[in-house]
Amino acid sequence: MHIRLPCVAALLMVLLVVASRSAEAASAEERRLLILDAPANVLTKTVRERLHAAVAEVAVGKGLTLASTASLPGKLLTCDLPGCLPSIAAASGAVFVLRVDARFMKESFQLAVELWNSDEGKLLGRERRDCPICDEQDLWGSAAFMARGLLERALRASVQPAPAALTVPKPSPASAPTPRSALTQAPATSSSASSSTWPIVRYAGLALSVAGLAALGTGIYYWSADGDPAGGDYVRDTRKLGLPVTIAGGAALAAGAAMVGWSFWSGSAKVSVGPSGLRVAGRLR
């Protein structure tokens, strides 16, 4: 039985796409956002739905996954924050809780938006706006704008590097610095400074995986076609090419898949450069 090259390539491509989508889904599931209404909200059902939709669009644009309030019991929907944050997190799996306190009456509104971290149980930020002459569209537009600012600051703070714990005194001109002190004084670069390199690593890994996939399929075809008649008395001798091409394709596919997986790795890394070389340290969250 001979395995045809197009079938093998199509199968491997499907597996690669499924693995990439699964990694993206796992990365998105790590950060969930729950939108809650304050008990004192004075909004019609239509206005409340449009306000939630505007805030949800902002959250999804920031790479967050929306958590549903359907899994929350009624007492958690009207509870006092931050006391019930652990219960909300356990019921919904949300890391961020965005509470909206809005009142719309007679073409005016009062709006306050709070962002909480359920893991740490603390308030990350609060925005407020009162408008005496505004319509309903101004209300949910303001809510989306305020939510965008709170989420941007919270997400930016979550990837900022920790400040240096020690300050190295400046050596006197008479004393030459030792290799150890030179390494201590060397600037450190955190993973947040190089976060823009992850898309490059991801695309390079996908390209390498596709190339390896093609080479692997070609090698398998060479193995399967060995010994087939090729016209006249000539018999194909392709097994000697099939082995190296298969090995090279498998190695490229594995390396590309590893690069794609590494680009989704939610850890933090620190890199230090000194006279003695390069040091890399990482921590998986």
C-alpha atoms as a PDB file:
ATOM      1  CA  MET A   1       0.000   0.000   0.000  1.00  0.00           C
ATOM      2  CA  HIS A   2       1.421   3.403  -0.975  1.00  0.00           C
ATOM      3  CA  ILE A   3       0.591   6.583   0.951  1.00  0.00           C
ATOM      4  CA  ARG A   4       0.088   9.551  -1.338  1.00  0.00           C
ATOM      5  CA  LEU A   5       1.894  12.795  -0.576  1.00  0.00           C
ATOM      6  CA  PRO A   6      -1.167  15.131  -0.695  1.00  0.00           C
ATOM      7  CA  CYS A   7      -3.026  13.001   1.870  1.00  0.00           C
ATOM      8  CA  VAL A   8      -0.104  13.004   4.296  1.00  0.00           C
ATOM      9  CA  ALA A   9       0.470  16.755   3.922  1.00  0.00           C
ATOM     10  CA  ALA A  10      -3.230  17.538   4.446  1.00  0.00           C
ATOM     11  CA  LEU A  11      -3.409  15.375   7.584  1.00  0.00           C
ATOM     12  CA  LEU A  12      -0.327  16.943   9.125  1.00  0.00           C
ATOM     13  CA  MET A  13      -1.541  20.452   8.310  1.00  0.00           C
ATOM     14  CA  VAL A  14      -4.871  19.784  10.040  1.00  0.00           C
ATOM     15  CA  LEU A  15      -3.067  18.538  13.151  1.00  0.00           C
ATOM     16  CA  LEU A  16      -0.835  21.633  13.186  1.00  0.00           C
ATOM     17  CA  VAL A  17      -3.793  24.041  12.883  1.00  0.00           C
ATOM     18  CA  VAL A  18      -5.721  22.239  15.646  1.00  0.00           C
ATOM     19  CA  ALA A  19      -2.701  22.415  17.977  1.00  0.00           C
ATOM     20  CA  SER A  20      -2.227  26.142  17.268  1.00  0.00           C
ATOM     21  CA  ARG A  21      -5.902  26.937  17.893  1.00  0.00           C
ATOM     22  CA  SER A  22      -5.844  24.926  21.144  1.00  0.00           C
ATOM     23  CA  ALA A  23      -2.826  26.877  22.373  1.00  0.00           C
ATOM     24  CA  GLU A  24      -4.517  30.195  21.561  1.00  0.00           C
ATOM     25  CA  ALA A  25      -7.685  29.114  23.364  1.00  0.00           C
ATOM     26  CA  ALA A  26      -5.704  28.040  26.443  1.00  0.00           C
ATOM     27  CA  SER A  27      -3.901  31.375  26.481  1.00  0.00           C
ATOM     28  CA  ALA A  28      -7.181  33.308  26.286  1.00  0.00           C
ATOM     29  CA  GLU A  29      -8.800  31.209  29.024  1.00  0.00           C
ATOM     30  CA  GLU A  30      -6.164  32.346  31.494  1.00  0.00           C
ATOM     31  CA  ARG A  31      -7.669  35.858  31.716  1.00  0.00           C
ATOM     32  CA  ARG A  32     -11.419  36.085  32.205  1.00  0.00           C
ATOM     33  CA  LEU A  33     -13.497  39.213  32.787  1.00  0.00           C
ATOM     34  CA  LEU A  34     -16.886  39.331  34.505  1.00  0.00           C
ATOM     35  CA  ILE A  35     -19.161  42.355  34.050  1.00  0.00           C
ATOM     36  CA  LEU A  36     -21.432  43.052  37.043  1.00  0.00           C
ATOM     37  CA  ASP A  37     -24.147  45.644  37.614  1.00  0.00           C
ATOM     38  CA  ALA A  38     -24.205  47.584  40.864  1.00  0.00           C
ATOM     39  CA  PRO A  39     -27.373  46.964  42.925  1.00  0.00           C
ATOM     40  CA  ALA A  40     -28.362  50.651  42.621  1.00  0.00           C
ATOM     41  CA  ASN A  41     -28.344  50.691  38.808  1.00  0.00           C
ATOM     42  CA  VAL A  42     -31.250  52.621  37.251  1.00  0.00           C
ATOM     43  CA  LEU A  43     -31.311  51.466  33.611  1.00  0.00           C
ATOM     44  CA  THR A  44     -33.817  50.010  31.222  1.00  0.00           C
ATOM     45  CA  LYS A  45     -33.189  46.525  29.886  1.00  0.00           C
ATOM     46  CA  THR A  46     -32.251  47.842  26.434  1.00  0.00           C
ATOM     47  CA  VAL A  47     -29.789  50.391  27.770  1.00  0.00           C
ATOM     48  CA  ARG A  48     -28.207  47.836  30.095  1.00  0.00           C
ATOM     49  CA  GLU A  49     -27.762  45.309  27.269  1.00  0.00           C
ATOM     50  CA  ARG A  50     -26.169  47.895  24.960  1.00  0.00           C
ATOM     51  CA  LEU A  51     -23.867  49.097  27.732  1.00  0.00           C
ATOM     52  CA  HIS A  52     -22.728  45.538  28.437  1.00  0.00           C
ATOM     53  CA  ALA A  53     -22.185  44.898  24.720  1.00  0.00           C
ATOM     54  CA  ALA A  54     -20.010  48.016  24.383  1.00  0.00           C
ATOM     55  CA  VAL A  55     -17.860  47.057  27.384  1.00  0.00           C
ATOM     56  CA  ALA A  56     -17.637  43.427  26.214  1.00  0.00           C
ATOM     57  CA  GLU A  57     -16.372  44.542  22.799  1.00  0.00           C
ATOM     58  CA  VAL A  58     -13.554  46.476  24.492  1.00  0.00           C
ATOM     59  CA  ALA A  59     -12.643  43.509  26.709  1.00  0.00           C
ATOM     60  CA  VAL A  60     -12.488  41.056  23.803  1.00  0.00           C
ATOM     61  CA  GLY A  61     -10.329  43.521  21.886  1.00  0.00           C
ATOM     62  CA  LYS A  62      -7.864  43.445  24.789  1.00  0.00           C
ATOM     63  CA  GLY A  63      -7.560  39.643  24.564  1.00  0.00           C
ATOM     64  CA  LEU A  64      -9.844  38.823  27.512  1.00  0.00           C
ATOM     65  CA  THR A  65     -12.462  36.095  27.688  1.00  0.00           C
ATOM     66  CA  LEU A  66     -15.897  37.070  28.974  1.00  0.00           C
ATOM     67  CA  ALA A  67     -17.303  35.099  31.903  1.00  0.00           C
ATOM     68  CA  SER A  68     -21.055  34.600  32.115  1.00  0.00           C
ATOM     69  CA  THR A  69     -23.127  35.671  35.122  1.00  0.00           C
ATOM     70  CA  ALA A  70     -25.407  32.675  34.581  1.00  0.00           C
ATOM     71  CA  SER A  71     -23.216  30.554  36.869  1.00  0.00           C
ATOM     72  CA  LEU A  72     -23.470  33.049  39.748  1.00  0.00           C
ATOM     73  CA  PRO A  73     -26.144  32.725  42.435  1.00  0.00           C
ATOM     74  CA  GLY A  74     -28.342  35.747  43.028  1.00  0.00           C
ATOM     75  CA  LYS A  75     -26.616  36.754  46.258  1.00  0.00           C
ATOM     76  CA  LEU A  76     -23.282  37.172  44.438  1.00  0.00           C
ATOM     77  CA  LEU A  77     -24.828  39.494  41.839  1.00  0.00           C
ATOM     78  CA  THR A  78     -25.688  42.029  44.558  1.00  0.00           C
ATOM     79  CA  CYS A  79     -22.913  41.386  47.088  1.00  0.00           C
ATOM     80  CA  ASP A  80     -20.464  43.935  48.475  1.00  0.00           C
ATOM     81  CA  LEU A  81     -16.978  44.040  46.980  1.00  0.00           C
ATOM     82  CA  PRO A  82     -14.286  43.046  47.774  1.00  0.00           C
ATOM     83  CA  GLY A  83     -15.677  40.648  50.388  1.00  0.00           C
ATOM     84  CA  CYS A  84     -17.310  38.293  47.901  1.00  0.00           C
ATOM     85  CA  LEU A  85     -14.546  38.358  45.256  1.00  0.00           C
ATOM     86  CA  PRO A  86     -13.239  34.856  46.164  1.00  0.00           C
ATOM     87  CA  SER A  87     -16.744  33.420  45.771  1.00  0.00           C
ATOM     88  CA  ILE A  88     -17.238  35.205  42.445  1.00  0.00           C
ATOM     89  CA  ALA A  89     -13.880  33.930  41.179  1.00  0.00           C
ATOM     90  CA  ALA A  90     -14.698  30.360  42.231  1.00  0.00           C
ATOM     91  CA  ALA A  91     -18.108  30.439  40.537  1.00  0.00           C
ATOM     92  CA  SER A  92     -17.105  32.182  37.290  1.00  0.00           C
ATOM     93  CA  GLY A  93     -13.335  31.670  36.955  1.00  0.00           C
ATOM     94  CA  ALA A  94     -12.920  35.419  36.349  1.00  0.00           C
ATOM     95  CA  VAL A  95      -9.627  37.097  37.215  1.00  0.00           C
ATOM     96  CA  PHE A  96     -11.015  40.595  36.578  1.00  0.00           C
ATOM     97  CA  VAL A  97     -14.406  41.863  37.773  1.00  0.00           C
ATOM     98  CA  LEU A  98     -15.764  45.059  36.202  1.00  0.00           C
ATOM     99  CA  ARG A  99     -18.615  46.604  38.179  1.00  0.00           C
ATOM    100  CA  VAL A 100     -20.804  49.217  36.465  1.00  0.00           C
ATOM    101  CA  ASP A 101     -22.837  51.666  38.574  1.00  0.00           C
ATOM    102  CA  ALA A 102     -25.061  53.670  36.223  1.00  0.00           C
ATOM    103  CA  ARG A 103     -28.164  55.859  36.521  1.00  0.00           C
ATOM    104  CA  PHE A 104     -29.876  57.323  33.454  1.00  0.00           C
ATOM    105  CA  MET A 105     -32.798  59.684  34.017  1.00  0.00           C
ATOM    106  CA  LYS A 106     -34.222  62.539  31.944  1.00  0.00           C
ATOM    107  CA  GLU A 107     -31.373  62.820  29.413  1.00  0.00           C
ATOM    108  CA  SER A 108     -28.669  62.817  32.089  1.00  0.00           C
ATOM    109  CA  PHE A 109     -26.575  60.093  33.645  1.00  0.00           C
ATOM    110  CA  GLN A 110     -24.235  59.297  36.499  1.00  0.00           C
ATOM    111  CA  LEU A 111     -21.690  56.586  35.729  1.00  0.00           C
ATOM    112  CA  ALA A 112     -18.981  54.880  37.784  1.00  0.00           C
ATOM    113  CA  VAL A 113     -16.879  51.924  36.610  1.00  0.00           C
ATOM    114  CA  GLU A 114     -14.669  49.867  38.948  1.00  0.00           C
ATOM    115  CA  LEU A 115     -12.136  47.172  38.009  1.00  0.00           C
ATOM    116  CA  TRP A 116     -11.257  44.552  40.649  1.00  0.00           C
ATOM    117  CA  ASN A 117      -8.704  41.740  40.749  1.00  0.00           C
ATOM    118  CA  SER A 118     -10.426  38.685  42.217  1.00  0.00           C
ATOM    119  CA  ASP A 119      -7.142  36.819  42.852  1.00  0.00           C
ATOM    120  CA  GLU A 120      -5.638  39.632  44.922  1.00  0.00           C
ATOM    121  CA  GLY A 121      -8.930  41.002  46.237  1.00  0.00           C
ATOM    122  CA  LYS A 122      -8.074  44.625  45.512  1.00  0.00           C
ATOM    123  CA  LEU A 123      -9.400  47.549  43.518  1.00  0.00           C
ATOM    124  CA  LEU A 124      -7.313  48.156  40.374  1.00  0.00           C
ATOM    125  CA  GLY A 125      -8.965  51.410  39.359  1.00  0.00           C
ATOM    126  CA  ARG A 126     -12.130  53.497  39.351  1.00  0.00           C
ATOM    127  CA  GLU A 127     -13.509  55.983  36.817  1.00  0.00           C
ATOM    128  CA  ARG A 128     -16.514  58.281  37.217  1.00  0.00           C
ATOM    129  CA  ARG A 129     -18.407  60.640  34.919  1.00  0.00           C
ATOM    130  CA  ASP A 130     -21.570  62.708  35.419  1.00  0.00           C
ATOM    131  CA  CYS A 131     -23.261  64.279  32.413  1.00  0.00           C
ATOM    132  CA  PRO A 132     -26.277  66.613  32.866  1.00  0.00           C
ATOM    133  CA  ILE A 133     -27.259  66.696  29.161  1.00  0.00           C
ATOM    134  CA  CYS A 134     -26.452  63.392  27.432  1.00  0.00           C
ATOM    135  CA  ASP A 135     -28.365  60.668  25.648  1.00  0.00           C
ATOM    136  CA  GLU A 136     -28.266  56.892  26.058  1.00  0.00           C
ATOM    137  CA  GLN A 137     -25.567  56.450  23.397  1.00  0.00           C
ATOM    138  CA  ASP A 138     -23.312  58.793  25.354  1.00  0.00           C
ATOM    139  CA  LEU A 139     -23.822  56.565  28.390  1.00  0.00           C
ATOM    140  CA  TRP A 140     -22.611  53.285  26.905  1.00  0.00           C
ATOM    141  CA  GLY A 141     -19.952  55.075  24.861  1.00  0.00           C
ATOM    142  CA  SER A 142     -18.561  56.587  28.070  1.00  0.00           C
ATOM    143  CA  ALA A 143     -18.711  53.192  29.786  1.00  0.00           C
ATOM    144  CA  ALA A 144     -16.677  51.599  26.982  1.00  0.00           C
ATOM    145  CA  PHE A 145     -14.126  54.423  27.047  1.00  0.00           C
ATOM    146  CA  MET A 146     -13.678  54.197  30.825  1.00  0.00           C
ATOM    147  CA  ALA A 147     -13.432  50.395  30.734  1.00  0.00           C
ATOM    148  CA  ARG A 148     -10.751  50.606  28.024  1.00  0.00           C
ATOM    149  CA  GLY A 149      -8.609  52.902  30.176  1.00  0.00           C
ATOM    150  CA  LEU A 150      -8.949  50.709  33.277  1.00  0.00           C
ATOM    151  CA  LEU A 151      -8.136  47.497  31.391  1.00  0.00           C
ATOM    152  CA  GLU A 152      -5.149  49.022  29.587  1.00  0.00           C
ATOM    153  CA  ARG A 153      -3.607  50.166  32.867  1.00  0.00           C
ATOM    154  CA  ALA A 154      -4.299  46.833  34.579  1.00  0.00           C
ATOM    155  CA  LEU A 155      -2.878  44.725  31.740  1.00  0.00           C
ATOM    156  CA  ARG A 156       0.146  47.009  31.380  1.00  0.00           C
ATOM    157  CA  ALA A 157       0.872  46.746  35.104  1.00  0.00           C
ATOM    158  CA  SER A 158       0.635  42.941  34.978  1.00  0.00           C
ATOM    159  CA  VAL A 159       3.557  42.688  32.530  1.00  0.00           C
ATOM    160  CA  GLN A 160       5.811  45.430  33.918  1.00  0.00           C
ATOM    161  CA  PRO A 161       9.172  44.173  35.275  1.00  0.00           C
ATOM    162  CA  ALA A 162       9.789  44.252  38.994  1.00  0.00           C
ATOM    163  CA  PRO A 163      12.045  47.148  40.140  1.00  0.00           C
ATOM    164  CA  ALA A 164      15.653  46.366  40.932  1.00  0.00           C
ATOM    165  CA  ALA A 165      16.109  45.323  44.566  1.00  0.00           C
ATOM    166  CA  LEU A 166      19.685  46.529  44.930  1.00  0.00           C
ATOM    167  CA  THR A 167      21.500  49.657  43.825  1.00  0.00           C
ATOM    168  CA  VAL A 168      25.168  49.156  43.020  1.00  0.00           C
ATOM    169  CA  PRO A 169      27.375  52.069  44.134  1.00  0.00           C
ATOM    170  CA  LYS A 170      29.534  53.693  41.508  1.00  0.00           C
ATOM    171  CA  PRO A 171      33.117  52.401  41.802  1.00  0.00           C
ATOM    172  CA  SER A 172      35.910  54.855  42.431  1.00  0.00           C
ATOM    173  CA  PRO A 173      38.224  55.676  39.504  1.00  0.00           C
ATOM    174  CA  ALA A 174      41.196  54.124  41.300  1.00  0.00           C
ATOM    175  CA  SER A 175      39.620  50.689  41.623  1.00  0.00           C
ATOM    176  CA  ALA A 176      38.985  48.540  38.581  1.00  0.00           C
ATOM    177  CA  PRO A 177      35.615  46.714  38.600  1.00  0.00           C
ATOM    178  CA  THR A 178      35.701  42.953  39.004  1.00  0.00           C
ATOM    179  CA  PRO A 179      33.831  40.725  36.537  1.00  0.00           C
ATOM    180  CA  ARG A 180      31.181  40.053  39.178  1.00  0.00           C
ATOM    181  CA  SER A 181      30.479  43.745  39.805  1.00  0.00           C
ATOM    182  CA  ALA A 182      30.397  44.409  36.074  1.00  0.00           C
ATOM    183  CA  LEU A 183      27.770  41.703  35.693  1.00  0.00           C
ATOM    184  CA  THR A 184      25.733  43.227  38.516  1.00  0.00           C
ATOM    185  CA  GLN A 185      25.841  46.646  36.905  1.00  0.00           C
ATOM    186  CA  ALA A 186      24.828  45.325  33.491  1.00  0.00           C
ATOM    187  CA  PRO A 187      21.323  46.381  32.467  1.00  0.00           C
ATOM    188  CA  ALA A 188      18.625  43.747  32.734  1.00  0.00           C
ATOM    189  CA  THR A 189      15.899  43.257  30.173  1.00  0.00           C
ATOM    190  CA  SER A 190      12.622  41.649  31.194  1.00  0.00           C
ATOM    191  CA  SER A 191      10.271  39.611  29.105  1.00  0.00           C
ATOM    192  CA  SER A 192       7.889  42.562  28.831  1.00  0.00           C
ATOM    193  CA  ALA A 193      10.519  44.534  26.892  1.00  0.00           C
ATOM    194  CA  SER A 194      10.803  41.733  24.359  1.00  0.00           C
ATOM    195  CA  SER A 195       7.120  40.778  24.266  1.00  0.00           C
ATOM    196  CA  SER A 196       6.921  42.128  20.728  1.00  0.00           C
ATOM    197  CA  THR A 197       9.225  39.316  19.601  1.00  0.00           C
ATOM    198  CA  TRP A 198       6.647  36.613  20.403  1.00  0.00           C
ATOM    199  CA  PRO A 199       4.597  37.154  17.191  1.00  0.00           C
ATOM    200  CA  ILE A 200       7.838  36.899  15.181  1.00  0.00           C
ATOM    201  CA  VAL A 201       8.724  33.641  16.936  1.00  0.00           C
ATOM    202  CA  ARG A 202       5.195  32.334  16.356  1.00  0.00           C
ATOM    203  CA  TYR A 203       5.150  33.116  12.631  1.00  0.00           C
ATOM    204  CA  ALA A 204       8.677  31.767  12.163  1.00  0.00           C
ATOM    205  CA  GLY A 205       7.634  28.573  13.931  1.00  0.00           C
ATOM    206  CA  LEU A 206       4.570  28.215  11.707  1.00  0.00           C
ATOM    207  CA  ALA A 207       6.685  28.737   8.580  1.00  0.00           C
ATOM    208  CA  LEU A 208       9.252  26.202   9.780  1.00  0.00           C
ATOM    209  CA  SER A 209       6.478  23.734  10.615  1.00  0.00           C
ATOM    210  CA  VAL A 210       4.953  24.066   7.127  1.00  0.00           C
ATOM    211  CA  ALA A 211       8.358  23.565   5.494  1.00  0.00           C
ATOM    212  CA  GLY A 212       9.066  20.559   7.705  1.00  0.00           C
ATOM    213  CA  LEU A 213       5.628  19.194   6.961  1.00  0.00           C
ATOM    214  CA  ALA A 214       6.266  19.391   3.223  1.00  0.00           C
ATOM    215  CA  ALA A 215       9.684  17.751   3.582  1.00  0.00           C
ATOM    216  CA  LEU A 216       8.234  15.017   5.791  1.00  0.00           C
ATOM    217  CA  GLY A 217       5.500  14.284   3.275  1.00  0.00           C
ATOM    218  CA  THR A 218       8.054  14.197   0.455  1.00  0.00           C
ATOM    219  CA  GLY A 219      10.240  11.765   2.376  1.00  0.00           C
ATOM    220  CA  ILE A 220       7.295   9.488   3.089  1.00  0.00           C
ATOM    221  CA  TYR A 221       6.385   9.569  -0.598  1.00  0.00           C
ATOM    222  CA  TYR A 222       9.947   8.612  -1.560  1.00  0.00           C
ATOM    223  CA  TRP A 223       9.766   5.637   0.788  1.00  0.00           C
ATOM    224  CA  SER A 224       6.413   4.499  -0.580  1.00  0.00           C
ATOM    225  CA  ALA A 225       7.438   4.933  -4.237  1.00  0.00           C
ATOM    226  CA  ASP A 226      10.638   2.892  -3.915  1.00  0.00           C
ATOM    227  CA  GLY A 227      10.597  -0.075  -6.283  1.00  0.00           C
ATOM    228  CA  ASP A 228       7.768   1.184  -8.504  1.00  0.00           C
ATOM    229  CA  PRO A 229       8.246   0.801 -12.254  1.00  0.00           C
ATOM    230  CA  ALA A 230       9.059   4.065 -13.990  1.00  0.00           C
ATOM    231  CA  GLY A 231       8.834   2.982 -17.627  1.00  0.00           C
ATOM    232  CA  GLY A 232      10.687   0.293 -19.488  1.00  0.00           C
ATOM    233  CA  ASP A 233      13.012  -1.780 -17.347  1.00  0.00           C
ATOM    234  CA  TYR A 234      13.760   1.109 -15.008  1.00  0.00           C
ATOM    235  CA  VAL A 235      12.694   0.732 -11.372  1.00  0.00           C
ATOM    236  CA  ARG A 236      12.602   3.680  -9.019  1.00  0.00           C
ATOM    237  CA  ASP A 237      15.305   3.711  -6.332  1.00  0.00           C
ATOM    238  CA  THR A 238      14.092   6.504  -4.015  1.00  0.00           C
ATOM    239  CA  ARG A 239      14.541   4.913  -0.582  1.00  0.00           C
ATOM    240  CA  LYS A 240      18.052   6.385  -0.224  1.00  0.00           C
ATOM    241  CA  LEU A 241      16.542   9.878  -0.560  1.00  0.00           C
ATOM    242  CA  GLY A 242      13.508   9.156   1.571  1.00  0.00           C
ATOM    243  CA  LEU A 243      15.435   8.600   4.827  1.00  0.00           C
ATOM    244  CA  PRO A 244      17.330  11.931   5.037  1.00  0.00           C
ATOM    245  CA  VAL A 245      14.385  13.940   3.745  1.00  0.00           C
ATOM    246  CA  THR A 246      12.045  12.326   6.301  1.00  0.00           C
ATOM    247  CA  ILE A 247      14.466  12.954   9.167  1.00  0.00           C
ATOM    248  CA  ALA A 248      15.011  16.593   8.137  1.00  0.00           C
ATOM    249  CA  GLY A 249      11.286  17.201   7.738  1.00  0.00           C
ATOM    250  CA  GLY A 250      10.453  15.654  11.108  1.00  0.00           C
ATOM    251  CA  ALA A 251      13.147  17.739  12.835  1.00  0.00           C
ATOM    252  CA  ALA A 252      11.916  20.960  11.196  1.00  0.00           C
ATOM    253  CA  LEU A 253       8.300  20.165  12.100  1.00  0.00           C
ATOM    254  CA  ALA A 254       9.234  19.481  15.734  1.00  0.00           C
ATOM    255  CA  ALA A 255      11.321  22.657  15.957  1.00  0.00           C
ATOM    256  CA  GLY A 256       8.548  24.773  14.446  1.00  0.00           C
ATOM    257  CA  ALA A 257       5.917  23.306  16.773  1.00  0.00           C
ATOM    258  CA  ALA A 258       8.208  24.000  19.738  1.00  0.00           C
ATOM    259  CA  MET A 259       8.601  27.646  18.640  1.00  0.00           C
ATOM    260  CA  VAL A 260       4.834  28.047  18.318  1.00  0.00           C
ATOM    261  CA  GLY A 261       4.285  26.517  21.753  1.00  0.00           C
ATOM    262  CA  TRP A 262       7.004  28.708  23.286  1.00  0.00           C
ATOM    263  CA  SER A 263       5.356  31.869  21.921  1.00  0.00           C
ATOM    264  CA  PHE A 264       2.204  31.025  23.934  1.00  0.00           C
ATOM    265  CA  TRP A 265       4.157  30.211  27.121  1.00  0.00           C
ATOM    266  CA  SER A 266       2.672  32.457  29.856  1.00  0.00           C
ATOM    267  CA  GLY A 267       5.758  32.875  31.976  1.00  0.00           C
ATOM    268  CA  SER A 268       8.134  35.649  32.847  1.00  0.00           C
ATOM    269  CA  ALA A 269      11.800  35.681  31.900  1.00  0.00           C
ATOM    270  CA  LYS A 270      14.739  37.854  32.799  1.00  0.00           C
ATOM    271  CA  VAL A 271      17.894  38.227  30.798  1.00  0.00           C
ATOM    272  CA  SER A 272      21.187  39.625  32.116  1.00  0.00           C
ATOM    273  CA  VAL A 273      24.196  40.432  29.964  1.00  0.00           C
ATOM    274  CA  GLY A 274      27.710  40.680  31.391  1.00  0.00           C
ATOM    275  CA  PRO A 275      31.331  40.029  30.548  1.00  0.00           C
ATOM    276  CA  SER A 276      30.995  36.368  31.472  1.00  0.00           C
ATOM    277  CA  GLY A 277      28.162  35.715  29.077  1.00  0.00           C
ATOM    278  CA  LEU A 278      24.345  35.652  28.898  1.00  0.00           C
ATOM    279  CA  ARG A 279      22.105  34.546  31.762  1.00  0.00           C
ATOM    280  CA  VAL A 280      18.444  33.662  31.312  1.00  0.00           C
ATOM    281  CA  ALA A 281      16.017  32.931  34.136  1.00  0.00           C
ATOM    282  CA  GLY A 282      12.314  32.163  33.859  1.00  0.00           C
ATOM    283  CA  ARG A 283       9.293  31.459  36.011  1.00  0.00           C
ATOM    284  CA  LEU A 284       6.086  29.692  34.941  1.00  0.00           C
ATOM    285  CA  ARG A 285       2.986  31.281  36.393  1.00  0.00           C
END
